[in-house]
Amino acid sequence: MEMMAAVVILAVVATFIIPRVINYRTNGYRYACWSNKAEIELQVRLWYRNKASYPAANLSDIGADTAYFPSGLPVCPVDGTAYTINTTTGLVNGHSH
């Protein structure tokens, strides 16, 4: 009887904890994507200041320059896609997870 009570209590606790753990992981990926977007937009602004034009929309030219992204261009941790920018505003397209 005591064993069944303990199992029931653990099951109730697990129903509250497991969804929170899953949400923390998902939110962590979203926050990482937002951080990547901010870093890319900052580096694009620096590129624009140094070269008086925005980099290519697919970021191939700025990504090849290790002064801007020494570790390489980041990819979206949520869906694994590459980032692109709007070449008139310098802002990252999409990625509003």
PDB file of N, CA and C in Angstrom:
ATOM      1  N   MET A   1       0.809  -1.181   0.000  1.00  0.00           N
ATOM      2  CA  MET A   1       0.000   0.000   0.000  1.00  0.00           C
ATOM      3  C   MET A   1       0.869   1.268   0.000  1.00  0.00           C
ATOM      4  N   GLU A   2       1.890   1.267   0.855  1.00  0.00           N
ATOM      5  CA  GLU A   2       2.786   2.421   0.912  1.00  0.00           C
ATOM      6  C   GLU A   2       3.542   2.590  -0.405  1.00  0.00           C
ATOM      7  N   MET A   3       3.896   1.482  -1.029  1.00  0.00           N
ATOM      8  CA  MET A   3       4.612   1.525  -2.296  1.00  0.00           C
ATOM      9  C   MET A   3       3.736   2.162  -3.379  1.00  0.00           C
ATOM     10  N   MET A   4       2.467   1.818  -3.409  1.00  0.00           N
ATOM     11  CA  MET A   4       1.560   2.392  -4.405  1.00  0.00           C
ATOM     12  C   MET A   4       1.370   3.883  -4.172  1.00  0.00           C
ATOM     13  N   ALA A   5       1.311   4.292  -2.921  1.00  0.00           N
ATOM     14  CA  ALA A   5       1.177   5.719  -2.603  1.00  0.00           C
ATOM     15  C   ALA A   5       2.412   6.478  -3.075  1.00  0.00           C
ATOM     16  N   ALA A   6       3.592   5.893  -2.855  1.00  0.00           N
ATOM     17  CA  ALA A   6       4.829   6.532  -3.305  1.00  0.00           C
ATOM     18  C   ALA A   6       4.875   6.643  -4.823  1.00  0.00           C
ATOM     19  N   VAL A   7       4.429   5.618  -5.532  1.00  0.00           N
ATOM     20  CA  VAL A   7       4.409   5.641  -6.999  1.00  0.00           C
ATOM     21  C   VAL A   7       3.441   6.710  -7.493  1.00  0.00           C
ATOM     22  N   VAL A   8       2.294   6.824  -6.877  1.00  0.00           N
ATOM     23  CA  VAL A   8       1.312   7.840  -7.265  1.00  0.00           C
ATOM     24  C   VAL A   8       1.868   9.243  -7.040  1.00  0.00           C
ATOM     25  N   ILE A   9       2.505   9.453  -5.912  1.00  0.00           N
ATOM     26  CA  ILE A   9       3.100  10.763  -5.622  1.00  0.00           C
ATOM     27  C   ILE A   9       4.179  11.094  -6.640  1.00  0.00           C
ATOM     28  N   LEU A  10       5.030  10.149  -6.965  1.00  0.00           N
ATOM     29  CA  LEU A  10       6.082  10.378  -7.967  1.00  0.00           C
ATOM     30  C   LEU A  10       5.481  10.670  -9.346  1.00  0.00           C
ATOM     31  N   ALA A  11       4.407   9.986  -9.681  1.00  0.00           N
ATOM     32  CA  ALA A  11       3.760  10.230 -10.974  1.00  0.00           C
ATOM     33  C   ALA A  11       3.174  11.633 -11.038  1.00  0.00           C
ATOM     34  N   VAL A  12       2.580  12.086  -9.961  1.00  0.00           N
ATOM     35  CA  VAL A  12       2.013  13.437  -9.920  1.00  0.00           C
ATOM     36  C   VAL A  12       3.120  14.484 -10.032  1.00  0.00           C
ATOM     37  N   VAL A  13       4.194  14.280  -9.317  1.00  0.00           N
ATOM     38  CA  VAL A  13       5.319  15.211  -9.389  1.00  0.00           C
ATOM     39  C   VAL A  13       5.913  15.220 -10.798  1.00  0.00           C
ATOM     40  N   ALA A  14       6.054  14.067 -11.418  1.00  0.00           N
ATOM     41  CA  ALA A  14       6.619  13.973 -12.767  1.00  0.00           C
ATOM     42  C   ALA A  14       5.748  14.692 -13.794  1.00  0.00           C
ATOM     43  N   THR A  15       4.429  14.665 -13.621  1.00  0.00           N
ATOM     44  CA  THR A  15       3.561  15.344 -14.578  1.00  0.00           C
ATOM     45  C   THR A  15       3.748  16.842 -14.551  1.00  0.00           C
ATOM     46  N   PHE A  16       4.207  17.390 -13.464  1.00  0.00           N
ATOM     47  CA  PHE A  16       4.461  18.822 -13.407  1.00  0.00           C
ATOM     48  C   PHE A  16       5.884  19.179 -13.831  1.00  0.00           C
ATOM     49  N   ILE A  17       6.830  18.314 -13.584  1.00  0.00           N
ATOM     50  CA  ILE A  17       8.233  18.631 -13.845  1.00  0.00           C
ATOM     51  C   ILE A  17       8.623  18.392 -15.304  1.00  0.00           C
ATOM     52  N   ILE A  18       8.201  17.307 -15.905  1.00  0.00           N
ATOM     53  CA  ILE A  18       8.633  16.964 -17.265  1.00  0.00           C
ATOM     54  C   ILE A  18       8.275  18.046 -18.288  1.00  0.00           C
ATOM     55  N   PRO A  19       7.060  18.592 -18.318  1.00  0.00           N
ATOM     56  CA  PRO A  19       6.780  19.662 -19.293  1.00  0.00           C
ATOM     57  C   PRO A  19       7.643  20.903 -19.085  1.00  0.00           C
ATOM     58  N   ARG A  20       7.961  21.216 -17.840  1.00  0.00           N
ATOM     59  CA  ARG A  20       8.813  22.380 -17.580  1.00  0.00           C
ATOM     60  C   ARG A  20      10.226  22.164 -18.112  1.00  0.00           C
ATOM     61  N   VAL A  21      10.754  20.982 -17.952  1.00  0.00           N
ATOM     62  CA  VAL A  21      12.095  20.684 -18.454  1.00  0.00           C
ATOM     63  C   VAL A  21      12.114  20.783 -19.975  1.00  0.00           C
ATOM     64  N   ILE A  22      11.092  20.264 -20.620  1.00  0.00           N
ATOM     65  CA  ILE A  22      11.016  20.331 -22.084  1.00  0.00           C
ATOM     66  C   ILE A  22      10.903  21.780 -22.543  1.00  0.00           C
ATOM     67  N   ASN A  23      10.112  22.595 -21.859  1.00  0.00           N
ATOM     68  CA  ASN A  23       9.981  24.006 -22.224  1.00  0.00           C
ATOM     69  C   ASN A  23      11.279  24.765 -22.034  1.00  0.00           C
ATOM     70  N   TYR A  24      12.028  24.464 -20.987  1.00  0.00           N
ATOM     71  CA  TYR A  24      13.307  25.139 -20.782  1.00  0.00           C
ATOM     72  C   TYR A  24      14.257  24.859 -21.929  1.00  0.00           C
ATOM     73  N   ARG A  25      14.276  23.638 -22.409  1.00  0.00           N
ATOM     74  CA  ARG A  25      15.156  23.290 -23.521  1.00  0.00           C
ATOM     75  C   ARG A  25      14.733  24.023 -24.793  1.00  0.00           C
ATOM     76  N   THR A  26      13.443  24.012 -25.092  1.00  0.00           N
ATOM     77  CA  THR A  26      12.937  24.700 -26.276  1.00  0.00           C
ATOM     78  C   THR A  26      13.189  26.197 -26.186  1.00  0.00           C
ATOM     79  N   ASN A  27      12.926  26.785 -25.037  1.00  0.00           N
ATOM     80  CA  ASN A  27      13.176  28.209 -24.854  1.00  0.00           C
ATOM     81  C   ASN A  27      14.662  28.532 -24.962  1.00  0.00           C
ATOM     82  N   GLY A  28      15.503  27.634 -24.521  1.00  0.00           N
ATOM     83  CA  GLY A  28      16.941  27.848 -24.653  1.00  0.00           C
ATOM     84  C   GLY A  28      17.364  27.948 -26.103  1.00  0.00           C
ATOM     85  N   TYR A  29      16.802  27.103 -26.958  1.00  0.00           N
ATOM     86  CA  TYR A  29      17.100  27.180 -28.391  1.00  0.00           C
ATOM     87  C   TYR A  29      16.589  28.491 -28.981  1.00  0.00           C
ATOM     88  N   ARG A  30      15.416  28.928 -28.543  1.00  0.00           N
ATOM     89  CA  ARG A  30      14.881  30.203 -29.040  1.00  0.00           C
ATOM     90  C   ARG A  30      15.779  31.360 -28.625  1.00  0.00           C
ATOM     91  N   TYR A  31      16.197  31.369 -27.373  1.00  0.00           N
ATOM     92  CA  TYR A  31      17.070  32.434 -26.900  1.00  0.00           C
ATOM     93  C   TYR A  31      18.404  32.418 -27.635  1.00  0.00           C
ATOM     94  N   ALA A  32      18.910  31.243 -27.935  1.00  0.00           N
ATOM     95  CA  ALA A  32      20.160  31.144 -28.695  1.00  0.00           C
ATOM     96  C   ALA A  32      19.976  31.692 -30.102  1.00  0.00           C
ATOM     97  N   CYS A  33      18.819  31.434 -30.714  1.00  0.00           N
ATOM     98  CA  CYS A  33      18.537  31.977 -32.046  1.00  0.00           C
ATOM     99  C   CYS A  33      18.492  33.499 -31.998  1.00  0.00           C
ATOM    100  N   TRP A  34      17.815  34.054 -30.993  1.00  0.00           N
ATOM    101  CA  TRP A  34      17.755  35.514 -30.857  1.00  0.00           C
ATOM    102  C   TRP A  34      19.140  36.101 -30.644  1.00  0.00           C
ATOM    103  N   SER A  35      19.964  35.418 -29.874  1.00  0.00           N
ATOM    104  CA  SER A  35      21.326  35.875 -29.650  1.00  0.00           C
ATOM    105  C   SER A  35      22.139  35.843 -30.946  1.00  0.00           C
ATOM    106  N   ASN A  36      21.976  34.774 -31.728  1.00  0.00           N
ATOM    107  CA  ASN A  36      22.656  34.688 -33.024  1.00  0.00           C
ATOM    108  C   ASN A  36      22.223  35.820 -33.941  1.00  0.00           C
ATOM    109  N   LYS A  37      20.913  36.102 -33.979  1.00  0.00           N
ATOM    110  CA  LYS A  37      20.409  37.195 -34.811  1.00  0.00           C
ATOM    111  C   LYS A  37      21.052  38.517 -34.406  1.00  0.00           C
ATOM    112  N   ALA A  38      21.120  38.778 -33.121  1.00  0.00           N
ATOM    113  CA  ALA A  38      21.706  40.026 -32.637  1.00  0.00           C
ATOM    114  C   ALA A  38      23.183  40.111 -33.001  1.00  0.00           C
ATOM    115  N   GLU A  39      23.909  39.017 -32.861  1.00  0.00           N
ATOM    116  CA  GLU A  39      25.328  39.006 -33.214  1.00  0.00           C
ATOM    117  C   GLU A  39      25.523  39.250 -34.709  1.00  0.00           C
ATOM    118  N   ILE A  40      24.711  38.613 -35.526  1.00  0.00           N
ATOM    119  CA  ILE A  40      24.826  38.796 -36.977  1.00  0.00           C
ATOM    120  C   ILE A  40      24.522  40.243 -37.350  1.00  0.00           C
ATOM    121  N   GLU A  41      23.468  40.805 -36.783  1.00  0.00           N
ATOM    122  CA  GLU A  41      23.115  42.186 -37.105  1.00  0.00           C
ATOM    123  C   GLU A  41      24.188  43.164 -36.659  1.00  0.00           C
ATOM    124  N   LEU A  42      24.825  42.888 -35.539  1.00  0.00           N
ATOM    125  CA  LEU A  42      25.927  43.732 -35.084  1.00  0.00           C
ATOM    126  C   LEU A  42      27.102  43.661 -36.052  1.00  0.00           C
ATOM    127  N   GLN A  43      27.471  42.448 -36.467  1.00  0.00           N
ATOM    128  CA  GLN A  43      28.592  42.294 -37.394  1.00  0.00           C
ATOM    129  C   GLN A  43      28.271  42.894 -38.763  1.00  0.00           C
ATOM    130  N   VAL A  44      27.007  42.804 -39.172  1.00  0.00           N
ATOM    131  CA  VAL A  44      26.600  43.416 -40.452  1.00  0.00           C
ATOM    132  C   VAL A  44      26.736  44.932 -40.371  1.00  0.00           C
ATOM    133  N   ARG A  45      26.381  45.517 -39.223  1.00  0.00           N
ATOM    134  CA  ARG A  45      26.547  46.968 -39.061  1.00  0.00           C
ATOM    135  C   ARG A  45      28.027  47.367 -39.126  1.00  0.00           C
ATOM    136  N   LEU A  46      28.878  46.551 -38.496  1.00  0.00           N
ATOM    137  CA  LEU A  46      30.315  46.832 -38.565  1.00  0.00           C
ATOM    138  C   LEU A  46      30.822  46.728 -40.001  1.00  0.00           C
ATOM    139  N   TRP A  47      30.355  45.717 -40.724  1.00  0.00           N
ATOM    140  CA  TRP A  47      30.722  45.545 -42.134  1.00  0.00           C
ATOM    141  C   TRP A  47      30.295  46.779 -42.929  1.00  0.00           C
ATOM    142  N   TYR A  48      29.068  47.223 -42.698  1.00  0.00           N
ATOM    143  CA  TYR A  48      28.543  48.390 -43.405  1.00  0.00           C
ATOM    144  C   TYR A  48      29.373  49.628 -43.080  1.00  0.00           C
ATOM    145  N   ARG A  49      29.752  49.786 -41.836  1.00  0.00           N
ATOM    146  CA  ARG A  49      30.562  50.936 -41.443  1.00  0.00           C
ATOM    147  C   ARG A  49      31.947  50.893 -42.097  1.00  0.00           C
ATOM    148  N   ASN A  50      32.523  49.703 -42.202  1.00  0.00           N
ATOM    149  CA  ASN A  50      33.866  49.569 -42.767  1.00  0.00           C
ATOM    150  C   ASN A  50      33.880  49.594 -44.291  1.00  0.00           C
ATOM    151  N   LYS A  51      32.840  49.076 -44.932  1.00  0.00           N
ATOM    152  CA  LYS A  51      32.867  48.904 -46.382  1.00  0.00           C
ATOM    153  C   LYS A  51      31.830  49.747 -47.123  1.00  0.00           C
ATOM    154  N   ALA A  52      30.967  50.447 -46.418  1.00  0.00           N
ATOM    155  CA  ALA A  52      29.937  51.322 -46.992  1.00  0.00           C
ATOM    156  C   ALA A  52      28.915  50.581 -47.853  1.00  0.00           C
ATOM    157  N   SER A  53      28.737  49.304 -47.612  1.00  0.00           N
ATOM    158  CA  SER A  53      27.678  48.522 -48.270  1.00  0.00           C
ATOM    159  C   SER A  53      27.384  47.314 -47.388  1.00  0.00           C
ATOM    160  N   TYR A  54      26.173  46.796 -47.544  1.00  0.00           N
ATOM    161  CA  TYR A  54      25.823  45.604 -46.782  1.00  0.00           C
ATOM    162  C   TYR A  54      26.427  44.365 -47.425  1.00  0.00           C
ATOM    163  N   PRO A  55      26.691  43.329 -46.647  1.00  0.00           N
ATOM    164  CA  PRO A  55      27.195  42.080 -47.238  1.00  0.00           C
ATOM    165  C   PRO A  55      26.109  41.391 -48.061  1.00  0.00           C
ATOM    166  N   ALA A  56      26.481  40.325 -48.727  1.00  0.00           N
ATOM    167  CA  ALA A  56      25.530  39.556 -49.542  1.00  0.00           C
ATOM    168  C   ALA A  56      24.404  39.035 -48.664  1.00  0.00           C
ATOM    169  N   ALA A  57      23.244  38.844 -49.263  1.00  0.00           N
ATOM    170  CA  ALA A  57      22.074  38.402 -48.518  1.00  0.00           C
ATOM    171  C   ALA A  57      22.301  37.056 -47.818  1.00  0.00           C
ATOM    172  N   ASN A  58      23.076  36.172 -48.427  1.00  0.00           N
ATOM    173  CA  ASN A  58      23.324  34.863 -47.814  1.00  0.00           C
ATOM    174  C   ASN A  58      24.537  34.883 -46.876  1.00  0.00           C
ATOM    175  N   LEU A  59      25.118  36.058 -46.663  1.00  0.00           N
ATOM    176  CA  LEU A  59      26.243  36.279 -45.749  1.00  0.00           C
ATOM    177  C   LEU A  59      27.512  35.540 -46.156  1.00  0.00           C
ATOM    178  N   SER A  60      27.633  35.193 -47.427  1.00  0.00           N
ATOM    179  CA  SER A  60      28.808  34.441 -47.862  1.00  0.00           C
ATOM    180  C   SER A  60      30.093  35.256 -47.747  1.00  0.00           C
ATOM    181  N   ASP A  61      30.044  36.544 -48.049  1.00  0.00           N
ATOM    182  CA  ASP A  61      31.263  37.350 -47.987  1.00  0.00           C
ATOM    183  C   ASP A  61      31.682  37.679 -46.555  1.00  0.00           C
ATOM    184  N   ILE A  62      30.745  38.032 -45.723  1.00  0.00           N
ATOM    185  CA  ILE A  62      31.096  38.330 -44.327  1.00  0.00           C
ATOM    186  C   ILE A  62      31.456  37.049 -43.575  1.00  0.00           C
ATOM    187  N   GLY A  63      30.848  35.943 -43.943  1.00  0.00           N
ATOM    188  CA  GLY A  63      31.153  34.668 -43.301  1.00  0.00           C
ATOM    189  C   GLY A  63      32.542  34.171 -43.635  1.00  0.00           C
ATOM    190  N   ALA A  64      33.054  34.551 -44.811  1.00  0.00           N
ATOM    191  CA  ALA A  64      34.394  34.133 -45.218  1.00  0.00           C
ATOM    192  C   ALA A  64      35.481  34.960 -44.533  1.00  0.00           C
ATOM    193  N   ASP A  65      35.132  36.104 -43.997  1.00  0.00           N
ATOM    194  CA  ASP A  65      36.092  36.982 -43.340  1.00  0.00           C
ATOM    195  C   ASP A  65      36.135  36.643 -41.848  1.00  0.00           C
ATOM    196  N   THR A  66      37.242  36.069 -41.396  1.00  0.00           N
ATOM    197  CA  THR A  66      37.344  35.628 -40.007  1.00  0.00           C
ATOM    198  C   THR A  66      37.409  36.785 -39.011  1.00  0.00           C
ATOM    199  N   ALA A  67      37.568  38.002 -39.484  1.00  0.00           N
ATOM    200  CA  ALA A  67      37.543  39.142 -38.575  1.00  0.00           C
ATOM    201  C   ALA A  67      36.139  39.358 -38.012  1.00  0.00           C
ATOM    202  N   TYR A  68      35.134  38.937 -38.746  1.00  0.00           N
ATOM    203  CA  TYR A  68      33.754  39.133 -38.306  1.00  0.00           C
ATOM    204  C   TYR A  68      33.183  37.894 -37.606  1.00  0.00           C
ATOM    205  N   PHE A  69      33.439  36.731 -38.133  1.00  0.00           N
ATOM    206  CA  PHE A  69      32.957  35.480 -37.536  1.00  0.00           C
ATOM    207  C   PHE A  69      34.102  34.476 -37.474  1.00  0.00           C
ATOM    208  N   PRO A  70      34.965  34.576 -36.455  1.00  0.00           N
ATOM    209  CA  PRO A  70      36.121  33.681 -36.364  1.00  0.00           C
ATOM    210  C   PRO A  70      35.750  32.198 -36.277  1.00  0.00           C
ATOM    211  N   SER A  71      34.598  31.898 -35.693  1.00  0.00           N
ATOM    212  CA  SER A  71      34.172  30.501 -35.558  1.00  0.00           C
ATOM    213  C   SER A  71      33.260  30.062 -36.692  1.00  0.00           C
ATOM    214  N   GLY A  72      33.064  30.909 -37.672  1.00  0.00           N
ATOM    215  CA  GLY A  72      32.157  30.609 -38.775  1.00  0.00           C
ATOM    216  C   GLY A  72      30.767  31.152 -38.493  1.00  0.00           C
ATOM    217  N   LEU A  73      29.967  31.195 -39.532  1.00  0.00           N
ATOM    218  CA  LEU A  73      28.605  31.699 -39.393  1.00  0.00           C
ATOM    219  C   LEU A  73      27.763  30.758 -38.537  1.00  0.00           C
ATOM    220  N   PRO A  74      26.993  31.315 -37.629  1.00  0.00           N
ATOM    221  CA  PRO A  74      26.109  30.450 -36.841  1.00  0.00           C
ATOM    222  C   PRO A  74      24.898  30.012 -37.669  1.00  0.00           C
ATOM    223  N   VAL A  75      24.324  28.902 -37.289  1.00  0.00           N
ATOM    224  CA  VAL A  75      23.062  28.446 -37.881  1.00  0.00           C
ATOM    225  C   VAL A  75      22.011  28.451 -36.783  1.00  0.00           C
ATOM    226  N   CYS A  76      20.770  28.485 -37.170  1.00  0.00           N
ATOM    227  CA  CYS A  76      19.673  28.537 -36.210  1.00  0.00           C
ATOM    228  C   CYS A  76      19.624  27.245 -35.394  1.00  0.00           C
ATOM    229  N   PRO A  77      19.707  27.333 -34.075  1.00  0.00           N
ATOM    230  CA  PRO A  77      19.656  26.124 -33.259  1.00  0.00           C
ATOM    231  C   PRO A  77      18.258  25.496 -33.191  1.00  0.00           C
ATOM    232  N   VAL A  78      17.231  26.247 -33.558  1.00  0.00           N
ATOM    233  CA  VAL A  78      15.869  25.719 -33.506  1.00  0.00           C
ATOM    234  C   VAL A  78      15.600  24.790 -34.674  1.00  0.00           C
ATOM    235  N   ASP A  79      15.909  25.265 -35.899  1.00  0.00           N
ATOM    236  CA  ASP A  79      15.595  24.452 -37.074  1.00  0.00           C
ATOM    237  C   ASP A  79      16.805  24.152 -37.965  1.00  0.00           C
ATOM    238  N   GLY A  80      17.982  24.619 -37.611  1.00  0.00           N
ATOM    239  CA  GLY A  80      19.195  24.285 -38.357  1.00  0.00           C
ATOM    240  C   GLY A  80      19.376  25.023 -39.668  1.00  0.00           C
ATOM    241  N   THR A  81      18.552  26.036 -39.941  1.00  0.00           N
ATOM    242  CA  THR A  81      18.669  26.764 -41.199  1.00  0.00           C
ATOM    243  C   THR A  81      19.708  27.873 -41.095  1.00  0.00           C
ATOM    244  N   ALA A  82      20.198  28.290 -42.244  1.00  0.00           N
ATOM    245  CA  ALA A  82      21.163  29.381 -42.296  1.00  0.00           C
ATOM    246  C   ALA A  82      20.429  30.716 -42.191  1.00  0.00           C
ATOM    247  N   TYR A  83      21.111  31.688 -41.657  1.00  0.00           N
ATOM    248  CA  TYR A  83      20.549  33.028 -41.556  1.00  0.00           C
ATOM    249  C   TYR A  83      20.785  33.787 -42.854  1.00  0.00           C
ATOM    250  N   THR A  84      19.860  34.652 -43.211  1.00  0.00           N
ATOM    251  CA  THR A  84      20.015  35.567 -44.340  1.00  0.00           C
ATOM    252  C   THR A  84      19.633  36.957 -43.854  1.00  0.00           C
ATOM    253  N   ILE A  85      20.087  37.972 -44.597  1.00  0.00           N
ATOM    254  CA  ILE A  85      19.760  39.339 -44.202  1.00  0.00           C
ATOM    255  C   ILE A  85      19.027  40.055 -45.321  1.00  0.00           C
ATOM    256  N   ASN A  86      18.343  41.099 -44.935  1.00  0.00           N
ATOM    257  CA  ASN A  86      17.747  42.026 -45.888  1.00  0.00           C
ATOM    258  C   ASN A  86      18.846  43.013 -46.252  1.00  0.00           C
ATOM    259  N   THR A  87      19.206  43.097 -47.513  1.00  0.00           N
ATOM    260  CA  THR A  87      20.347  43.917 -47.922  1.00  0.00           C
ATOM    261  C   THR A  87      20.036  45.407 -47.964  1.00  0.00           C
ATOM    262  N   THR A  88      18.813  45.802 -47.678  1.00  0.00           N
ATOM    263  CA  THR A  88      18.514  47.236 -47.598  1.00  0.00           C
ATOM    264  C   THR A  88      18.478  47.715 -46.144  1.00  0.00           C
ATOM    265  N   THR A  89      18.178  46.829 -45.208  1.00  0.00           N
ATOM    266  CA  THR A  89      18.126  47.239 -43.799  1.00  0.00           C
ATOM    267  C   THR A  89      19.242  46.645 -42.966  1.00  0.00           C
ATOM    268  N   GLY A  90      19.823  45.543 -43.408  1.00  0.00           N
ATOM    269  CA  GLY A  90      20.871  44.871 -42.641  1.00  0.00           C
ATOM    270  C   GLY A  90      20.340  43.996 -41.525  1.00  0.00           C
ATOM    271  N   LEU A  91      19.025  43.771 -41.489  1.00  0.00           N
ATOM    272  CA  LEU A  91      18.426  42.953 -40.444  1.00  0.00           C
ATOM    273  C   LEU A  91      18.255  41.515 -40.921  1.00  0.00           C
ATOM    274  N   VAL A  92      18.284  40.585 -39.979  1.00  0.00           N
ATOM    275  CA  VAL A  92      18.123  39.172 -40.293  1.00  0.00           C
ATOM    276  C   VAL A  92      16.675  38.918 -40.703  1.00  0.00           C
ATOM    277  N   ASN A  93      16.497  38.129 -41.766  1.00  0.00           N
ATOM    278  CA  ASN A  93      15.165  37.766 -42.239  1.00  0.00           C
ATOM    279  C   ASN A  93      14.613  36.618 -41.404  1.00  0.00           C
ATOM    280  N   GLY A  94      13.339  36.729 -41.037  1.00  0.00           N
ATOM    281  CA  GLY A  94      12.650  35.623 -40.368  1.00  0.00           C
ATOM    282  C   GLY A  94      13.205  35.296 -38.996  1.00  0.00           C
ATOM    283  N   HIS A  95      13.134  34.014 -38.658  1.00  0.00           N
ATOM    284  CA  HIS A  95      13.609  33.464 -37.387  1.00  0.00           C
ATOM    285  C   HIS A  95      12.908  34.109 -36.198  1.00  0.00           C
ATOM    286  N   SER A  96      11.600  34.200 -36.273  1.00  0.00           N
ATOM    287  CA  SER A  96      10.824  34.699 -35.129  1.00  0.00           C
ATOM    288  C   SER A  96      10.150  33.500 -34.467  1.00  0.00           C
ATOM    289  N   HIS A  97      10.943  32.678 -33.831  1.00  0.00           N
ATOM    290  CA  HIS A  97      10.450  31.435 -33.217  1.00  0.00           C
ATOM    291  C   HIS A  97       9.679  31.738 -31.968  1.00  0.00           C
TER     292      HIS A  97
END
